[in-house]
């Protein structure tokens, strides 16, 4: 699966990925990259990215890597 297909799959099947707003932007056999667009609702009380949004970004990236690595077994 390519990054676009993985991103679409995560948004369709993982409600939290959609809620956080993170997107898989690149993926290969050993790594995945996700982006988190800047948005006021993702900031904490001191104006930096909220920890929950950061961890959500990591979850989306790791989910993308798992889908890339095992998509042939999941079909």
PDB file of N, CA and C in Angstrom:
ATOM      1  N   UNK A   1       0.840  -1.188   0.000  1.00  0.00           N
ATOM      2  CA  UNK A   1       0.000   0.000   0.000  1.00  0.00           C
ATOM      3  C   UNK A   1       0.886   1.253   0.000  1.00  0.00           C
ATOM      4  N   UNK A   2       0.457   2.257  -0.714  1.00  0.00           N
ATOM      5  CA  UNK A   2       1.190   3.516  -0.694  1.00  0.00           C
ATOM      6  C   UNK A   2       0.652   4.416   0.422  1.00  0.00           C
ATOM      7  N   UNK A   3       1.339   5.522   0.684  1.00  0.00           N
ATOM      8  CA  UNK A   3       0.971   6.403   1.790  1.00  0.00           C
ATOM      9  C   UNK A   3      -0.449   6.948   1.646  1.00  0.00           C
ATOM     10  N   UNK A   4      -0.848   7.273   0.437  1.00  0.00           N
ATOM     11  CA  UNK A   4      -2.194   7.818   0.225  1.00  0.00           C
ATOM     12  C   UNK A   4      -3.264   6.786   0.576  1.00  0.00           C
ATOM     13  N   UNK A   5      -3.071   5.547   0.161  1.00  0.00           N
ATOM     14  CA  UNK A   5      -4.030   4.479   0.466  1.00  0.00           C
ATOM     15  C   UNK A   5      -4.058   4.188   1.963  1.00  0.00           C
ATOM     16  N   UNK A   6      -2.895   4.197   2.591  1.00  0.00           N
ATOM     17  CA  UNK A   6      -2.825   3.960   4.036  1.00  0.00           C
ATOM     18  C   UNK A   6      -3.522   5.081   4.794  1.00  0.00           C
ATOM     19  N   UNK A   7      -3.269   6.311   4.397  1.00  0.00           N
ATOM     20  CA  UNK A   7      -3.918   7.450   5.039  1.00  0.00           C
ATOM     21  C   UNK A   7      -5.432   7.351   4.915  1.00  0.00           C
ATOM     22  N   UNK A   8      -5.903   7.013   3.746  1.00  0.00           N
ATOM     23  CA  UNK A   8      -7.345   6.885   3.514  1.00  0.00           C
ATOM     24  C   UNK A   8      -7.925   5.758   4.378  1.00  0.00           C
ATOM     25  N   UNK A   9      -7.227   4.624   4.458  1.00  0.00           N
ATOM     26  CA  UNK A   9      -7.687   3.496   5.260  1.00  0.00           C
ATOM     27  C   UNK A   9      -7.776   3.875   6.734  1.00  0.00           C
ATOM     28  N   UNK A  10      -6.749   4.538   7.244  1.00  0.00           N
ATOM     29  CA  UNK A  10      -6.778   4.951   8.650  1.00  0.00           C
ATOM     30  C   UNK A  10      -7.934   5.903   8.932  1.00  0.00           C
ATOM     31  N   UNK A  11      -8.161   6.847   8.028  1.00  0.00           N
ATOM     32  CA  UNK A  11      -9.254   7.799   8.245  1.00  0.00           C
ATOM     33  C   UNK A  11     -10.615   7.116   8.184  1.00  0.00           C
ATOM     34  N   UNK A  12     -10.734   6.073   7.389  1.00  0.00           N
ATOM     35  CA  UNK A  12     -12.015   5.358   7.277  1.00  0.00           C
ATOM     36  C   UNK A  12     -12.242   4.395   8.434  1.00  0.00           C
ATOM     37  N   UNK A  13     -11.182   3.798   8.963  1.00  0.00           N
ATOM     38  CA  UNK A  13     -11.340   2.721   9.938  1.00  0.00           C
ATOM     39  C   UNK A  13     -10.963   3.081  11.370  1.00  0.00           C
ATOM     40  N   UNK A  14     -10.267   4.199  11.554  1.00  0.00           N
ATOM     41  CA  UNK A  14      -9.828   4.576  12.899  1.00  0.00           C
ATOM     42  C   UNK A  14     -10.371   5.973  13.223  1.00  0.00           C
ATOM     43  N   UNK A  15     -11.483   6.035  13.933  1.00  0.00           N
ATOM     44  CA  UNK A  15     -12.105   7.338  14.209  1.00  0.00           C
ATOM     45  C   UNK A  15     -11.176   8.334  14.892  1.00  0.00           C
ATOM     46  N   UNK A  16     -10.294   7.861  15.764  1.00  0.00           N
ATOM     47  CA  UNK A  16      -9.412   8.781  16.468  1.00  0.00           C
ATOM     48  C   UNK A  16      -8.424   9.458  15.519  1.00  0.00           C
ATOM     49  N   UNK A  17      -7.979   8.753  14.490  1.00  0.00           N
ATOM     50  CA  UNK A  17      -7.089   9.361  13.497  1.00  0.00           C
ATOM     51  C   UNK A  17      -7.781  10.546  12.841  1.00  0.00           C
ATOM     52  N   UNK A  18      -9.022  10.379  12.533  1.00  0.00           N
ATOM     53  CA  UNK A  18      -9.807  11.456  11.933  1.00  0.00           C
ATOM     54  C   UNK A  18      -9.973  12.603  12.929  1.00  0.00           C
ATOM     55  N   UNK A  19     -10.236  12.267  14.171  1.00  0.00           N
ATOM     56  CA  UNK A  19     -10.441  13.283  15.207  1.00  0.00           C
ATOM     57  C   UNK A  19      -9.170  14.109  15.451  1.00  0.00           C
ATOM     58  N   UNK A  20      -8.026  13.442  15.542  1.00  0.00           N
ATOM     59  CA  UNK A  20      -6.763  14.140  15.789  1.00  0.00           C
ATOM     60  C   UNK A  20      -6.382  14.991  14.580  1.00  0.00           C
ATOM     61  N   UNK A  21      -6.663  14.504  13.383  1.00  0.00           N
ATOM     62  CA  UNK A  21      -6.355  15.252  12.172  1.00  0.00           C
ATOM     63  C   UNK A  21      -4.992  14.962  11.589  1.00  0.00           C
ATOM     64  N   UNK A  22      -4.313  13.927  12.085  1.00  0.00           N
ATOM     65  CA  UNK A  22      -3.004  13.550  11.560  1.00  0.00           C
ATOM     66  C   UNK A  22      -3.169  12.757  10.271  1.00  0.00           C
ATOM     67  N   UNK A  23      -2.183  12.885   9.406  1.00  0.00           N
ATOM     68  CA  UNK A  23      -2.209  12.182   8.119  1.00  0.00           C
ATOM     69  C   UNK A  23      -0.887  11.483   7.865  1.00  0.00           C
ATOM     70  N   UNK A  24      -0.938  10.263   7.334  1.00  0.00           N
ATOM     71  CA  UNK A  24       0.264   9.573   6.894  1.00  0.00           C
ATOM     72  C   UNK A  24       0.718  10.238   5.598  1.00  0.00           C
ATOM     73  N   UNK A  25       1.961  10.697   5.588  1.00  0.00           N
ATOM     74  CA  UNK A  25       2.464  11.407   4.410  1.00  0.00           C
ATOM     75  C   UNK A  25       3.504  10.615   3.629  1.00  0.00           C
ATOM     76  N   UNK A  26       4.164   9.664   4.271  1.00  0.00           N
ATOM     77  CA  UNK A  26       5.157   8.819   3.602  1.00  0.00           C
ATOM     78  C   UNK A  26       5.269   7.515   4.365  1.00  0.00           C
ATOM     79  N   UNK A  27       5.548   6.447   3.641  1.00  0.00           N
ATOM     80  CA  UNK A  27       5.704   5.141   4.284  1.00  0.00           C
ATOM     81  C   UNK A  27       6.553   4.250   3.387  1.00  0.00           C
ATOM     82  N   UNK A  28       7.377   3.429   4.021  1.00  0.00           N
ATOM     83  CA  UNK A  28       8.109   2.388   3.306  1.00  0.00           C
ATOM     84  C   UNK A  28       8.191   1.177   4.225  1.00  0.00           C
ATOM     85  N   UNK A  29       9.006   0.218   3.885  1.00  0.00           N
ATOM     86  CA  UNK A  29       9.053  -1.027   4.648  1.00  0.00           C
ATOM     87  C   UNK A  29       9.580  -0.852   6.069  1.00  0.00           C
ATOM     88  N   UNK A  30      10.301   0.219   6.332  1.00  0.00           N
ATOM     89  CA  UNK A  30      10.926   0.376   7.640  1.00  0.00           C
ATOM     90  C   UNK A  30      10.573   1.661   8.378  1.00  0.00           C
ATOM     91  N   UNK A  31       9.809   2.536   7.753  1.00  0.00           N
ATOM     92  CA  UNK A  31       9.483   3.789   8.432  1.00  0.00           C
ATOM     93  C   UNK A  31       8.184   4.376   7.905  1.00  0.00           C
ATOM     94  N   UNK A  32       7.624   5.250   8.708  1.00  0.00           N
ATOM     95  CA  UNK A  32       6.416   5.968   8.308  1.00  0.00           C
ATOM     96  C   UNK A  32       6.519   7.394   8.823  1.00  0.00           C
ATOM     97  N   UNK A  33       5.940   8.295   8.090  1.00  0.00           N
ATOM     98  CA  UNK A  33       5.932   9.700   8.477  1.00  0.00           C
ATOM     99  C   UNK A  33       4.489  10.178   8.477  1.00  0.00           C
ATOM    100  N   UNK A  34       4.148  10.932   9.492  1.00  0.00           N
ATOM    101  CA  UNK A  34       2.805  11.505   9.571  1.00  0.00           C
ATOM    102  C   UNK A  34       2.936  12.992   9.854  1.00  0.00           C
ATOM    103  N   UNK A  35       1.955  13.743   9.419  1.00  0.00           N
ATOM    104  CA  UNK A  35       1.940  15.182   9.645  1.00  0.00           C
ATOM    105  C   UNK A  35       0.714  15.568  10.458  1.00  0.00           C
ATOM    106  N   UNK A  36       0.851  16.640  11.188  1.00  0.00           N
ATOM    107  CA  UNK A  36      -0.248  17.166  11.991  1.00  0.00           C
ATOM    108  C   UNK A  36      -0.385  18.649  11.656  1.00  0.00           C
ATOM    109  N   UNK A  37      -1.345  18.981  10.814  1.00  0.00           N
ATOM    110  CA  UNK A  37      -1.508  20.385  10.431  1.00  0.00           C
ATOM    111  C   UNK A  37      -1.761  21.275  11.657  1.00  0.00           C
ATOM    112  N   UNK A  38      -1.201  22.466  11.613  1.00  0.00           N
ATOM    113  CA  UNK A  38      -1.380  23.411  12.710  1.00  0.00           C
ATOM    114  C   UNK A  38      -2.858  23.799  12.836  1.00  0.00           C
ATOM    115  N   UNK A  39      -3.331  23.814  14.064  1.00  0.00           N
ATOM    116  CA  UNK A  39      -4.714  24.205  14.333  1.00  0.00           C
ATOM    117  C   UNK A  39      -4.829  24.622  15.794  1.00  0.00           C
ATOM    118  N   UNK A  40      -5.574  25.646  16.039  1.00  0.00           N
ATOM    119  CA  UNK A  40      -5.758  26.179  17.393  1.00  0.00           C
ATOM    120  C   UNK A  40      -6.257  25.110  18.367  1.00  0.00           C
ATOM    121  N   UNK A  41      -7.153  24.255  17.922  1.00  0.00           N
ATOM    122  CA  UNK A  41      -7.731  23.242  18.815  1.00  0.00           C
ATOM    123  C   UNK A  41      -6.736  22.151  19.218  1.00  0.00           C
ATOM    124  N   UNK A  42      -5.549  22.124  18.612  1.00  0.00           N
ATOM    125  CA  UNK A  42      -4.534  21.130  18.971  1.00  0.00           C
ATOM    126  C   UNK A  42      -3.487  21.693  19.929  1.00  0.00           C
ATOM    127  N   UNK A  43      -3.686  22.918  20.373  1.00  0.00           N
ATOM    128  CA  UNK A  43      -2.728  23.553  21.276  1.00  0.00           C
ATOM    129  C   UNK A  43      -3.152  23.388  22.731  1.00  0.00           C
ATOM    130  N   UNK A  44      -2.153  23.424  23.602  1.00  0.00           N
ATOM    131  CA  UNK A  44      -2.455  23.360  25.033  1.00  0.00           C
ATOM    132  C   UNK A  44      -2.576  24.779  25.595  1.00  0.00           C
ATOM    133  N   UNK A  45      -2.657  24.884  26.893  1.00  0.00           N
ATOM    134  CA  UNK A  45      -2.881  26.170  27.549  1.00  0.00           C
ATOM    135  C   UNK A  45      -1.692  27.134  27.457  1.00  0.00           C
ATOM    136  N   UNK A  46      -0.522  26.649  27.066  1.00  0.00           N
ATOM    137  CA  UNK A  46       0.639  27.537  26.908  1.00  0.00           C
ATOM    138  C   UNK A  46       0.979  27.779  25.440  1.00  0.00           C
ATOM    139  N   UNK A  47       0.118  27.293  24.537  1.00  0.00           N
ATOM    140  CA  UNK A  47       0.271  27.588  23.118  1.00  0.00           C
ATOM    141  C   UNK A  47       1.156  26.657  22.323  1.00  0.00           C
ATOM    142  N   UNK A  48       1.549  25.521  22.911  1.00  0.00           N
ATOM    143  CA  UNK A  48       2.322  24.525  22.168  1.00  0.00           C
ATOM    144  C   UNK A  48       1.418  23.332  21.852  1.00  0.00           C
ATOM    145  N   UNK A  49       1.893  22.433  21.008  1.00  0.00           N
ATOM    146  CA  UNK A  49       1.080  21.284  20.611  1.00  0.00           C
ATOM    147  C   UNK A  49       0.784  20.423  21.833  1.00  0.00           C
ATOM    148  N   UNK A  50      -0.486  20.141  22.039  1.00  0.00           N
ATOM    149  CA  UNK A  50      -0.940  19.351  23.185  1.00  0.00           C
ATOM    150  C   UNK A  50      -0.352  17.945  23.108  1.00  0.00           C
ATOM    151  N   UNK A  51      -0.021  17.382  24.258  1.00  0.00           N
ATOM    152  CA  UNK A  51       0.570  16.046  24.323  1.00  0.00           C
ATOM    153  C   UNK A  51      -0.325  14.983  23.680  1.00  0.00           C
ATOM    154  N   UNK A  52      -1.622  15.092  23.867  1.00  0.00           N
ATOM    155  CA  UNK A  52      -2.538  14.112  23.272  1.00  0.00           C
ATOM    156  C   UNK A  52      -2.446  14.153  21.752  1.00  0.00           C
ATOM    157  N   UNK A  53      -2.323  15.337  21.177  1.00  0.00           N
ATOM    158  CA  UNK A  53      -2.167  15.457  19.729  1.00  0.00           C
ATOM    159  C   UNK A  53      -0.842  14.855  19.279  1.00  0.00           C
ATOM    160  N   UNK A  54       0.226  15.062  20.071  1.00  0.00           N
ATOM    161  CA  UNK A  54       1.528  14.488  19.724  1.00  0.00           C
ATOM    162  C   UNK A  54       1.483  12.965  19.757  1.00  0.00           C
ATOM    163  N   UNK A  55       0.896  12.410  20.789  1.00  0.00           N
ATOM    164  CA  UNK A  55       0.790  10.958  20.877  1.00  0.00           C
ATOM    165  C   UNK A  55      -0.126  10.412  19.782  1.00  0.00           C
ATOM    166  N   UNK A  56      -1.182  11.162  19.459  1.00  0.00           N
ATOM    167  CA  UNK A  56      -2.053  10.762  18.352  1.00  0.00           C
ATOM    168  C   UNK A  56      -1.303  10.724  17.036  1.00  0.00           C
ATOM    169  N   UNK A  57      -0.413  11.683  16.835  1.00  0.00           N
ATOM    170  CA  UNK A  57       0.424  11.697  15.641  1.00  0.00           C
ATOM    171  C   UNK A  57       1.286  10.443  15.576  1.00  0.00           C
ATOM    172  N   UNK A  58       1.868  10.062  16.711  1.00  0.00           N
ATOM    173  CA  UNK A  58       2.666   8.834  16.772  1.00  0.00           C
ATOM    174  C   UNK A  58       1.839   7.594  16.495  1.00  0.00           C
ATOM    175  N   UNK A  59       0.625   7.569  17.010  1.00  0.00           N
ATOM    176  CA  UNK A  59      -0.272   6.441  16.758  1.00  0.00           C
ATOM    177  C   UNK A  59      -0.600   6.302  15.272  1.00  0.00           C
ATOM    178  N   UNK A  60      -0.857   7.415  14.623  1.00  0.00           N
ATOM    179  CA  UNK A  60      -1.176   7.386  13.193  1.00  0.00           C
ATOM    180  C   UNK A  60       0.042   6.905  12.399  1.00  0.00           C
ATOM    181  N   UNK A  61       1.219   7.402  12.746  1.00  0.00           N
ATOM    182  CA  UNK A  61       2.436   6.967  12.049  1.00  0.00           C
ATOM    183  C   UNK A  61       2.684   5.477  12.256  1.00  0.00           C
ATOM    184  N   UNK A  62       2.545   5.005  13.492  1.00  0.00           N
ATOM    185  CA  UNK A  62       2.782   3.580  13.745  1.00  0.00           C
ATOM    186  C   UNK A  62       1.714   2.715  13.089  1.00  0.00           C
ATOM    187  N   UNK A  63       0.484   3.190  13.070  1.00  0.00           N
ATOM    188  CA  UNK A  63      -0.568   2.459  12.364  1.00  0.00           C
ATOM    189  C   UNK A  63      -0.290   2.382  10.881  1.00  0.00           C
ATOM    190  N   UNK A  64       0.236   3.454  10.310  1.00  0.00           N
ATOM    191  CA  UNK A  64       0.614   3.451   8.902  1.00  0.00           C
ATOM    192  C   UNK A  64       1.710   2.455   8.620  1.00  0.00           C
ATOM    193  N   UNK A  65       2.683   2.375   9.517  1.00  0.00           N
ATOM    194  CA  UNK A  65       3.774   1.411   9.342  1.00  0.00           C
ATOM    195  C   UNK A  65       3.265  -0.026   9.419  1.00  0.00           C
ATOM    196  N   UNK A  66       2.372  -0.292  10.364  1.00  0.00           N
ATOM    197  CA  UNK A  66       1.801  -1.635  10.483  1.00  0.00           C
ATOM    198  C   UNK A  66       1.014  -1.999   9.220  1.00  0.00           C
ATOM    199  N   UNK A  67       0.205  -1.074   8.720  1.00  0.00           N
ATOM    200  CA  UNK A  67      -0.542  -1.350   7.498  1.00  0.00           C
ATOM    201  C   UNK A  67       0.394  -1.593   6.316  1.00  0.00           C
ATOM    202  N   UNK A  68       1.458  -0.818   6.215  1.00  0.00           N
ATOM    203  CA  UNK A  68       2.417  -1.002   5.126  1.00  0.00           C
ATOM    204  C   UNK A  68       3.109  -2.352   5.226  1.00  0.00           C
ATOM    205  N   UNK A  69       3.482  -2.744   6.427  1.00  0.00           N
ATOM    206  CA  UNK A  69       4.233  -3.982   6.617  1.00  0.00           C
ATOM    207  C   UNK A  69       3.368  -5.228   6.469  1.00  0.00           C
ATOM    208  N   UNK A  70       2.097  -5.148   6.873  1.00  0.00           N
ATOM    209  CA  UNK A  70       1.269  -6.346   6.916  1.00  0.00           C
ATOM    210  C   UNK A  70       0.034  -6.304   6.028  1.00  0.00           C
ATOM    211  N   UNK A  71      -0.049  -5.357   5.127  1.00  0.00           N
ATOM    212  CA  UNK A  71      -1.252  -5.238   4.303  1.00  0.00           C
ATOM    213  C   UNK A  71      -1.496  -6.486   3.463  1.00  0.00           C
ATOM    214  N   UNK A  72      -0.435  -7.143   3.033  1.00  0.00           N
ATOM    215  CA  UNK A  72      -0.618  -8.367   2.246  1.00  0.00           C
ATOM    216  C   UNK A  72      -1.251  -9.479   3.087  1.00  0.00           C
ATOM    217  N   UNK A  73      -0.964  -9.507   4.382  1.00  0.00           N
ATOM    218  CA  UNK A  73      -1.551 -10.528   5.258  1.00  0.00           C
ATOM    219  C   UNK A  73      -2.979 -10.181   5.659  1.00  0.00           C
ATOM    220  N   UNK A  74      -3.301  -8.883   5.627  1.00  0.00           N
ATOM    221  CA  UNK A  74      -4.623  -8.438   6.037  1.00  0.00           C
ATOM    222  C   UNK A  74      -5.648  -8.586   4.911  1.00  0.00           C
ATOM    223  N   UNK A  75      -5.178  -8.723   3.693  1.00  0.00           N
ATOM    224  CA  UNK A  75      -6.085  -8.862   2.543  1.00  0.00           C
ATOM    225  C   UNK A  75      -6.676 -10.217   2.556  1.00  0.00           C
TER     226      UNK A  75
END
